[in-house]
Amino acid sequence: MKRIILVGYMGAGKTTVGRALSKELGLPFYDLDWYIESRRRKTVSELFQEIGEEGFRTIERNMLHEVAEFENVIISCGGGTPCFFDNMDYMNQQGQVVYLKATPQVLYNHLLMGKGRRPLLEGKTPEELIAFISEHLKQREPYYTKAHYQLDVSLMDNHEKIRLTIEQLKKILDL
């Protein structure tokens, strides 16, 4: 039975890596935010607005406990998931946890390339955005580094580099 759980800051490539690894291994892929949205029939942003961060984090924890019981899956978590409750310890018990690690500048570049809206980042200048990412990452990294493995994802800016990242990941997970 395999459970591979990907953690890291927003823009690290958890969904990109999770999808590619899922395709490569023939395992189902679950993005925890998408799972929450499909189960609750509301976007993460709507949930934050309606019940606040504390309410959202409780739902997130419950949904994490649900999806992490599935067998032979790849799961990507939201950037904040490991930082609340006992989520990181729980994930480490449930599967092989990989921290997709990148510098604030790389995360900034990945976020610029991404297509999704990130409410936390709206209205910030590039300088403010890099400062925000740096500070936020500093707060979250103690949780992320509890993962079983760390993988540098600084060079995932094209399909070939994503493929090489997947090969590295398979090697560290002994797949």
Protein backbone atom coordinates (compact mmCIF):
# COMPACT_ATOMS: atom_id res chain seq x y z
CA MET A 1 0.00 0.00 0.00
CA LYS A 2 1.34 3.41 -1.00
CA ARG A 3 0.38 6.84 0.23
CA ILE A 4 2.55 9.65 -1.05
CA ILE A 5 1.76 13.04 0.46
CA LEU A 6 3.21 16.24 -0.98
CA VAL A 7 3.62 19.34 1.17
CA GLY A 8 5.17 22.75 0.59
CA TYR A 9 4.43 26.41 0.07
CA MET A 10 1.94 27.61 -2.54
CA GLY A 11 3.57 27.65 -5.93
CA ALA A 12 6.01 24.86 -5.06
CA GLY A 13 4.37 22.60 -7.63
CA LYS A 14 2.53 20.11 -5.41
CA THR A 15 -0.34 19.73 -7.87
CA THR A 16 1.95 19.64 -10.91
CA VAL A 17 4.20 17.00 -9.34
CA GLY A 18 1.25 15.07 -7.93
CA ARG A 19 -0.50 14.86 -11.30
CA ALA A 20 2.67 13.85 -13.13
CA LEU A 21 3.59 11.21 -10.53
CA SER A 22 0.02 9.91 -10.58
CA LYS A 23 0.19 9.48 -14.35
CA GLU A 24 3.62 7.84 -14.11
CA LEU A 25 2.62 5.36 -11.37
CA GLY A 26 -1.01 4.83 -12.36
CA LEU A 27 -2.24 5.88 -8.91
CA PRO A 28 -5.17 8.20 -8.18
CA PHE A 29 -4.28 11.79 -7.35
CA TYR A 30 -6.11 13.93 -4.80
CA ASP A 31 -5.50 17.63 -4.34
CA LEU A 32 -6.81 18.26 -0.82
CA ASP A 33 -8.18 21.72 -1.67
CA TRP A 34 -10.08 20.30 -4.66
CA TYR A 35 -11.34 17.43 -2.53
CA ILE A 36 -12.65 19.90 0.07
CA GLU A 37 -14.30 22.00 -2.64
CA SER A 38 -16.02 18.99 -4.20
CA ARG A 39 -17.23 17.67 -0.84
CA ARG A 40 -18.38 21.06 0.49
CA ARG A 41 -19.59 22.39 -2.88
CA LYS A 42 -17.84 25.70 -2.21
CA THR A 43 -14.45 27.13 -3.08
CA VAL A 44 -11.75 27.42 -0.46
CA SER A 45 -12.10 31.22 -0.73
CA GLU A 46 -15.85 31.01 -0.08
CA LEU A 47 -15.27 28.76 2.93
CA PHE A 48 -12.68 31.20 4.32
CA GLN A 49 -15.14 34.08 3.89
CA GLU A 50 -18.07 32.22 5.44
CA ILE A 51 -16.46 30.42 8.38
CA GLY A 52 -13.04 32.07 8.72
CA GLU A 53 -9.65 30.43 8.80
CA GLU A 54 -10.32 28.50 12.01
CA GLY A 55 -13.48 26.94 10.56
CA PHE A 56 -11.72 26.14 7.29
CA ARG A 57 -8.76 24.52 9.08
CA THR A 58 -11.13 22.24 10.99
CA ILE A 59 -12.78 21.12 7.74
CA GLU A 60 -9.34 20.72 6.16
CA ARG A 61 -8.18 18.50 9.03
CA ASN A 62 -11.29 16.32 8.78
CA MET A 63 -10.93 15.97 5.00
CA LEU A 64 -7.21 15.19 5.38
CA HIS A 65 -8.09 12.37 7.76
CA GLU A 66 -10.58 11.07 5.21
CA VAL A 67 -8.39 11.17 2.12
CA ALA A 68 -5.29 9.91 3.96
CA GLU A 69 -7.16 6.68 4.68
CA PHE A 70 -7.38 5.91 0.95
CA GLU A 71 -4.93 3.29 -0.27
CA ASN A 72 -2.47 3.63 -3.14
CA VAL A 73 -2.89 7.36 -3.64
CA ILE A 74 -0.94 10.53 -4.16
CA ILE A 75 -2.16 13.53 -2.17
CA SER A 76 -1.13 17.16 -2.43
CA CYS A 77 -1.97 19.37 0.53
CA GLY A 78 -2.61 23.08 0.74
CA GLY A 79 0.38 25.15 1.82
CA GLY A 80 -1.04 25.66 5.31
CA THR A 81 -2.24 22.10 5.94
CA PRO A 82 0.92 20.90 7.76
CA CYS A 83 0.91 23.94 10.06
CA PHE A 84 -2.30 23.27 11.97
CA PHE A 85 -3.43 20.78 14.59
CA ASP A 86 -1.32 17.59 14.48
CA ASN A 87 -1.62 17.40 10.69
CA MET A 88 2.08 16.99 9.96
CA ASP A 89 2.54 14.20 12.50
CA TYR A 90 -0.61 12.51 11.20
CA MET A 91 0.60 12.69 7.58
CA ASN A 92 3.97 11.24 8.56
CA GLN A 93 2.16 8.28 10.14
CA GLN A 94 -0.09 7.75 7.12
CA GLY A 95 2.40 7.76 4.27
CA GLN A 96 5.63 8.94 2.72
CA VAL A 97 5.64 12.72 3.06
CA VAL A 98 7.73 14.85 0.71
CA TYR A 99 8.44 18.54 1.21
CA LEU A 100 8.75 20.25 -2.19
CA LYS A 101 11.24 22.95 -1.30
CA ALA A 102 12.05 26.16 -3.16
CA THR A 103 13.43 29.62 -2.43
CA PRO A 104 11.08 32.63 -2.12
CA GLN A 105 12.27 33.91 -5.52
CA VAL A 106 11.51 30.56 -7.20
CA LEU A 107 8.11 30.38 -5.49
CA TYR A 108 7.38 33.91 -6.69
CA ASN A 109 8.32 32.92 -10.27
CA HIS A 110 6.17 29.76 -10.09
CA LEU A 111 3.22 31.77 -8.77
CA LEU A 112 3.58 34.23 -11.67
CA MET A 113 3.49 31.30 -14.13
CA GLY A 114 0.46 29.74 -12.42
CA LYS A 115 -3.01 30.29 -13.73
CA GLY A 116 -4.95 30.16 -10.47
CA ARG A 117 -6.04 33.14 -8.37
CA ARG A 118 -4.37 33.40 -5.00
CA PRO A 119 -6.38 35.70 -2.73
CA LEU A 120 -3.49 36.01 -0.25
CA LEU A 121 -1.32 37.51 -2.96
CA GLU A 122 -3.68 39.96 -4.64
CA GLY A 123 -2.85 43.65 -4.67
CA LYS A 124 0.82 43.24 -3.76
CA THR A 125 3.74 44.69 -5.70
CA PRO A 126 6.49 42.24 -6.75
CA GLU A 127 8.67 43.43 -3.85
CA GLU A 128 5.83 43.08 -1.34
CA LEU A 129 5.04 39.65 -2.72
CA ILE A 130 8.60 38.34 -2.34
CA ALA A 131 8.76 39.79 1.20
CA PHE A 132 5.40 38.18 2.04
CA ILE A 133 6.49 34.79 0.66
CA SER A 134 9.81 34.99 2.54
CA GLU A 135 8.17 35.75 5.87
CA HIS A 136 5.36 33.24 5.44
CA LEU A 137 7.79 30.51 4.36
CA LYS A 138 9.97 31.21 7.40
CA GLN A 139 6.93 30.60 9.64
CA ARG A 140 5.87 27.42 7.85
CA GLU A 141 9.21 25.78 7.16
CA PRO A 142 9.55 24.22 10.66
CA TYR A 143 6.43 22.19 9.84
CA TYR A 144 7.44 21.34 6.28
CA THR A 145 10.87 20.09 7.33
CA LYS A 146 9.26 17.39 9.48
CA ALA A 147 8.50 15.54 6.22
CA HIS A 148 10.31 12.27 5.62
CA TYR A 149 11.96 13.66 2.48
CA GLN A 150 12.81 17.00 0.92
CA LEU A 151 13.03 17.62 -2.80
CA ASP A 152 14.35 20.84 -4.34
CA VAL A 153 11.86 21.95 -6.98
CA SER A 154 13.67 25.11 -8.06
CA LEU A 155 14.08 24.01 -11.65
CA MET A 156 10.52 23.07 -12.64
CA ASP A 157 9.95 25.67 -15.33
CA ASN A 158 9.36 23.37 -18.31
CA HIS A 159 8.06 19.86 -19.09
CA GLU A 160 11.51 18.27 -19.28
CA LYS A 161 12.52 19.66 -15.89
CA ILE A 162 9.23 18.47 -14.40
CA ARG A 163 9.98 15.00 -15.79
CA LEU A 164 13.45 15.09 -14.20
CA THR A 165 11.88 16.15 -10.89
CA ILE A 166 9.53 13.15 -11.07
CA GLU A 167 12.51 10.86 -11.71
CA GLN A 168 14.28 12.31 -8.66
CA LEU A 169 11.15 11.85 -6.57
CA LYS A 170 10.78 8.23 -7.66
CA LYS A 171 14.39 7.63 -6.70
CA ILE A 172 14.09 9.09 -3.19
CA LEU A 173 10.84 7.19 -2.61
CA ASP A 174 12.41 4.00 -3.97
CA LEU A 175 9.66 3.52 -6.57
